[in-house]
Amino acid sequence: MYIYGLYEFVDVPTRDDHILDLVLSSDHNIMSELQVAETFSTSDHCNVKFSLILGHDENCTSPPAAVYYDYERADYDSIVLHLLNDSFLSSPRYDQGETADQVWDKFIKPLNEGVQLYVPVKSVHASSAKKPKWRPRHIRRAVSKKRHLWRLYRKSRSLADKSRYQELCACVKKLVYDYDKQVEQSVINSANLGRFYRYVNGKLSCKSGVGPLKSSSNKIIVSDVEKAELLNNYYWQCVYHR
């Protein structure tokens, strides 16, 4: 459908018999694939998944490649020969008034040159795709069954199938909640501070730091030291009251 200079690509209901979730674009040829999938958790709106056809300049840039020295394929014989022929290493000379840092720079320079000349480099591209979160088998089976019931409801549109699907959505939500609660409880019961911080860091969406926290007195904590003390006190309270 084209209206007001925009194309609307969703042509099937996304909530009951109504189209309430829209995908709009001014380019009719940009859409590669669109499908209305099962709802998310206990929401009554369907997911709308789509792929776009983009030019080379419009594609998202790939993550930068990390460059490493490949020491397994290094030419160590040439490195040794390079160091033996270096005038400073063969007869070290120190000028009066030189600092320790200046002497160290003289010593390390031929080593770095040998690495740069005779050790090949390799690039490793970090994957930008986020790995799906692992869930135990009983949760994966429940999610699979939920998708099956959703497909049945999409075909039949019966109230009975809709009710069965909604009941399973609530069940899956509770299973995920109980599992996450069990994992967090095991972290607390371990009384392992390193494991606690690893778990917390894995939950952070921003790796640059911990966001503002609220204390028990509803004070907003923004200082790094105060945030660290607050998290540390909370952890030991959980340990002592387990």
Protein backbone atom coordinates (compact mmCIF):
# COMPACT_ATOMS: atom_id res chain seq x y z
CA MET A 1 0.00 0.00 0.00
CA TYR A 2 1.37 3.44 -1.00
CA ILE A 3 0.20 6.57 0.80
CA TYR A 4 1.79 9.94 1.63
CA GLY A 5 5.00 8.95 -0.14
CA LEU A 6 5.53 5.77 1.89
CA TYR A 7 5.04 2.08 1.20
CA GLU A 8 3.56 -0.16 3.91
CA PHE A 9 4.81 -3.75 3.73
CA VAL A 10 2.81 -5.56 6.44
CA ASP A 11 -0.31 -7.06 4.84
CA VAL A 12 -1.34 -9.67 7.43
CA PRO A 13 -2.74 -9.15 10.96
CA THR A 14 -0.23 -8.61 13.74
CA ARG A 15 -2.72 -8.53 16.63
CA ASP A 16 -5.89 -10.63 16.35
CA ASP A 17 -7.46 -9.57 13.03
CA HIS A 18 -5.87 -6.13 12.90
CA ILE A 19 -2.67 -4.76 11.37
CA LEU A 20 -1.24 -2.65 14.18
CA ASP A 21 2.50 -3.06 13.57
CA LEU A 22 3.79 -1.29 10.48
CA VAL A 23 6.97 -1.28 8.38
CA LEU A 24 7.21 1.86 6.23
CA SER A 25 9.71 2.93 3.59
CA SER A 26 9.89 5.40 0.73
CA ASP A 27 11.63 2.77 -1.44
CA HIS A 28 9.40 -0.06 -2.65
CA ASN A 29 12.36 -2.20 -3.75
CA ILE A 30 14.25 -2.09 -0.47
CA MET A 31 12.37 -5.00 1.13
CA SER A 32 13.87 -8.45 0.58
CA GLU A 33 11.78 -10.59 2.91
CA LEU A 34 9.13 -9.94 5.55
CA GLN A 35 7.31 -12.36 7.79
CA VAL A 36 5.00 -12.07 10.76
CA ALA A 37 6.35 -14.42 13.44
CA GLU A 38 5.18 -15.58 16.85
CA THR A 39 4.65 -13.12 19.66
CA PHE A 40 7.36 -12.22 22.15
CA SER A 41 6.80 -13.76 25.57
CA THR A 42 3.25 -12.92 26.76
CA SER A 43 2.77 -9.96 24.41
CA ASP A 44 -0.33 -10.02 22.20
CA HIS A 45 1.51 -8.41 19.27
CA CYS A 46 3.31 -10.58 16.72
CA ASN A 47 6.96 -10.06 15.85
CA VAL A 48 7.60 -8.57 12.42
CA LYS A 49 10.89 -9.81 10.95
CA PHE A 50 12.26 -8.37 7.71
CA SER A 51 15.43 -8.13 5.62
CA LEU A 52 16.49 -5.16 3.52
CA ILE A 53 18.31 -4.91 0.20
CA LEU A 54 21.05 -2.34 0.67
CA GLY A 55 23.84 -1.13 -1.52
CA HIS A 56 27.49 -1.53 -0.63
CA ASP A 57 27.73 1.95 0.85
CA GLU A 58 24.62 1.39 2.97
CA ASN A 59 25.73 -1.85 4.57
CA CYS A 60 26.77 -1.77 8.19
CA THR A 61 30.52 -1.70 8.48
CA SER A 62 32.06 -4.92 9.66
CA PRO A 63 33.89 -4.88 12.98
CA PRO A 64 37.54 -3.87 12.68
CA ALA A 65 40.09 -6.61 12.36
CA ALA A 66 42.55 -7.21 15.14
CA VAL A 67 46.14 -7.71 13.94
CA TYR A 68 48.38 -10.21 15.71
CA TYR A 69 51.94 -11.38 15.16
CA ASP A 70 51.96 -15.01 14.00
CA TYR A 71 54.96 -16.30 15.96
CA GLU A 72 54.34 -19.88 14.82
CA ARG A 73 55.43 -18.89 11.29
CA ALA A 74 58.24 -16.54 12.34
CA ASP A 75 61.71 -16.77 10.79
CA TYR A 76 63.70 -17.18 14.01
CA ASP A 77 67.02 -17.79 12.24
CA SER A 78 66.78 -14.38 10.57
CA ILE A 79 65.79 -12.77 13.88
CA VAL A 80 68.87 -14.22 15.58
CA LEU A 81 71.11 -13.07 12.70
CA HIS A 82 69.56 -9.61 12.83
CA LEU A 83 70.29 -9.32 16.57
CA LEU A 84 73.87 -10.60 16.20
CA ASN A 85 74.59 -7.98 13.52
CA ASP A 86 73.13 -5.12 15.54
CA SER A 87 75.89 -2.74 16.54
CA PHE A 88 74.37 -1.72 19.87
CA LEU A 89 73.71 -5.26 21.10
CA SER A 90 77.16 -6.47 20.03
CA SER A 91 78.93 -3.57 21.82
CA PRO A 92 76.55 -1.58 24.01
CA ARG A 93 77.35 2.12 24.30
CA TYR A 94 75.78 4.44 26.82
CA ASP A 95 76.03 8.19 26.65
CA GLN A 96 76.56 10.17 29.79
CA GLY A 97 73.36 11.58 31.24
CA GLU A 98 71.06 9.02 29.61
CA THR A 99 68.07 7.92 31.64
CA ALA A 100 67.03 4.32 32.24
CA ASP A 101 64.16 4.75 29.79
CA GLN A 102 66.47 5.99 27.04
CA VAL A 103 68.82 3.04 27.53
CA TRP A 104 65.90 0.63 27.48
CA ASP A 105 64.65 2.16 24.22
CA LYS A 106 68.06 1.54 22.65
CA PHE A 107 68.03 -2.06 23.83
CA ILE A 108 64.48 -2.87 22.72
CA LYS A 109 64.70 -1.15 19.32
CA PRO A 110 66.55 -3.97 17.48
CA LEU A 111 64.22 -6.54 19.06
CA ASN A 112 61.17 -4.73 17.77
CA GLU A 113 62.78 -4.31 14.35
CA GLY A 114 63.46 -8.06 14.18
CA VAL A 115 59.85 -8.87 15.03
CA GLN A 116 58.51 -6.42 12.44
CA LEU A 117 60.83 -7.77 9.73
CA TYR A 118 60.59 -11.53 10.25
CA VAL A 119 57.33 -12.24 12.06
CA PRO A 120 54.26 -12.28 9.78
CA VAL A 121 51.01 -10.73 10.92
CA LYS A 122 47.49 -12.10 10.69
CA SER A 123 44.12 -10.43 10.99
CA VAL A 124 41.26 -11.81 13.05
CA HIS A 125 37.82 -10.34 12.48
CA ALA A 126 35.70 -10.23 15.59
CA SER A 127 32.18 -11.45 14.98
CA SER A 128 29.51 -8.80 15.54
CA ALA A 129 26.76 -11.41 15.85
CA LYS A 130 25.68 -11.94 19.41
CA LYS A 131 25.56 -15.56 20.44
CA PRO A 132 22.13 -16.76 21.49
CA LYS A 133 21.76 -17.20 25.21
CA TRP A 134 22.04 -20.80 26.30
CA ARG A 135 18.98 -22.33 27.96
CA PRO A 136 18.52 -25.83 29.40
CA ARG A 137 16.78 -28.48 27.34
CA HIS A 138 13.36 -28.27 29.02
CA ILE A 139 13.16 -24.53 28.25
CA ARG A 140 14.24 -25.01 24.62
CA ARG A 141 11.57 -27.68 24.18
CA ALA A 142 8.92 -25.41 25.69
CA VAL A 143 9.94 -22.56 23.36
CA SER A 144 9.76 -24.92 20.37
CA LYS A 145 6.30 -26.06 21.44
CA LYS A 146 5.22 -22.44 21.83
CA ARG A 147 6.21 -21.72 18.23
CA HIS A 148 4.29 -24.80 17.09
CA LEU A 149 1.14 -23.66 18.90
CA TRP A 150 1.52 -20.20 17.40
CA ARG A 151 1.60 -21.64 13.89
CA LEU A 152 -1.54 -23.66 14.66
CA TYR A 153 -3.32 -20.56 15.92
CA ARG A 154 -2.28 -18.56 12.84
CA LYS A 155 -3.95 -21.17 10.66
CA SER A 156 -7.09 -21.87 12.69
CA ARG A 157 -7.71 -18.50 14.39
CA SER A 158 -9.71 -20.39 16.99
CA LEU A 159 -10.09 -19.18 20.56
CA ALA A 160 -9.09 -22.61 21.87
CA ASP A 161 -5.72 -22.53 20.06
CA LYS A 162 -5.18 -18.94 21.15
CA SER A 163 -5.84 -19.85 24.78
CA ARG A 164 -3.43 -22.82 24.62
CA TYR A 165 -0.76 -20.59 23.09
CA GLN A 166 -1.17 -17.87 25.73
CA GLU A 167 -1.01 -20.43 28.53
CA LEU A 168 2.25 -21.82 27.16
CA CYS A 169 3.66 -18.28 26.76
CA ALA A 170 3.08 -17.67 30.46
CA CYS A 171 4.61 -21.07 31.25
CA VAL A 172 7.76 -20.33 29.20
CA LYS A 173 8.11 -16.95 30.87
CA LYS A 174 7.97 -18.58 34.31
CA LEU A 175 10.46 -21.29 33.31
CA VAL A 176 12.96 -18.66 32.15
CA TYR A 177 12.42 -16.63 35.33
CA ASP A 178 12.90 -19.66 37.59
CA TYR A 179 16.05 -20.73 35.74
CA ASP A 180 17.61 -17.25 35.91
CA LYS A 181 16.73 -17.07 39.60
CA GLN A 182 18.39 -20.46 40.18
CA VAL A 183 21.58 -19.33 38.41
CA GLU A 184 21.75 -16.11 40.40
CA GLN A 185 21.13 -17.97 43.65
CA SER A 186 23.99 -20.36 42.89
CA VAL A 187 26.29 -17.37 42.33
CA ILE A 188 25.31 -15.95 45.72
CA ASN A 189 25.62 -19.29 47.52
CA SER A 190 29.11 -19.84 46.13
CA ALA A 191 30.39 -16.85 48.16
CA ASN A 192 32.93 -16.35 45.35
CA LEU A 193 33.53 -12.65 44.76
CA GLY A 194 35.24 -13.24 41.41
CA ARG A 195 32.33 -15.33 40.13
CA PHE A 196 29.89 -12.64 41.28
CA TYR A 197 31.66 -9.88 39.35
CA ARG A 198 32.02 -12.08 36.26
CA TYR A 199 28.27 -12.69 36.33
CA VAL A 200 27.53 -8.99 36.79
CA ASN A 201 29.91 -7.98 33.97
CA GLY A 202 28.24 -10.50 31.67
CA LYS A 203 24.89 -8.80 32.30
CA LEU A 204 26.11 -5.32 31.45
CA SER A 205 24.97 -4.00 28.09
CA CYS A 206 27.61 -1.28 28.25
CA LYS A 207 31.12 -2.60 28.95
CA SER A 208 32.53 0.85 29.65
CA GLY A 209 31.27 0.95 33.21
CA VAL A 210 28.42 0.52 35.67
CA GLY A 211 25.52 2.91 35.24
CA PRO A 212 24.05 5.06 38.03
CA LEU A 213 22.78 3.07 41.01
CA LYS A 214 20.18 3.86 43.66
CA SER A 215 20.99 3.31 47.33
CA SER A 216 18.58 2.09 50.01
CA SER A 217 17.86 5.75 50.85
CA ASN A 218 16.88 6.41 47.19
CA LYS A 219 20.06 8.41 46.60
CA ILE A 220 21.45 8.23 43.04
CA ILE A 221 25.06 7.00 43.15
CA VAL A 222 27.30 8.15 40.29
CA SER A 223 30.79 8.01 41.82
CA ASP A 224 32.79 4.90 40.89
CA VAL A 225 34.01 4.45 44.47
CA GLU A 226 30.51 4.76 45.94
CA LYS A 227 29.09 2.38 43.33
CA ALA A 228 31.79 -0.19 44.11
CA GLU A 229 31.08 0.08 47.84
CA LEU A 230 27.34 -0.23 47.28
CA LEU A 231 27.69 -3.38 45.16
CA ASN A 232 30.21 -4.88 47.57
CA ASN A 233 27.94 -4.28 50.58
CA TYR A 234 24.96 -5.75 48.72
CA TYR A 235 26.92 -8.87 47.82
CA TRP A 236 28.02 -9.55 51.40
CA GLN A 237 24.50 -8.92 52.68
CA CYS A 238 23.27 -11.61 50.31
CA VAL A 239 26.01 -13.97 51.51
CA TYR A 240 25.32 -13.43 55.21
CA HIS A 241 21.54 -13.73 54.86
CA ARG A 242 21.42 -16.71 52.52
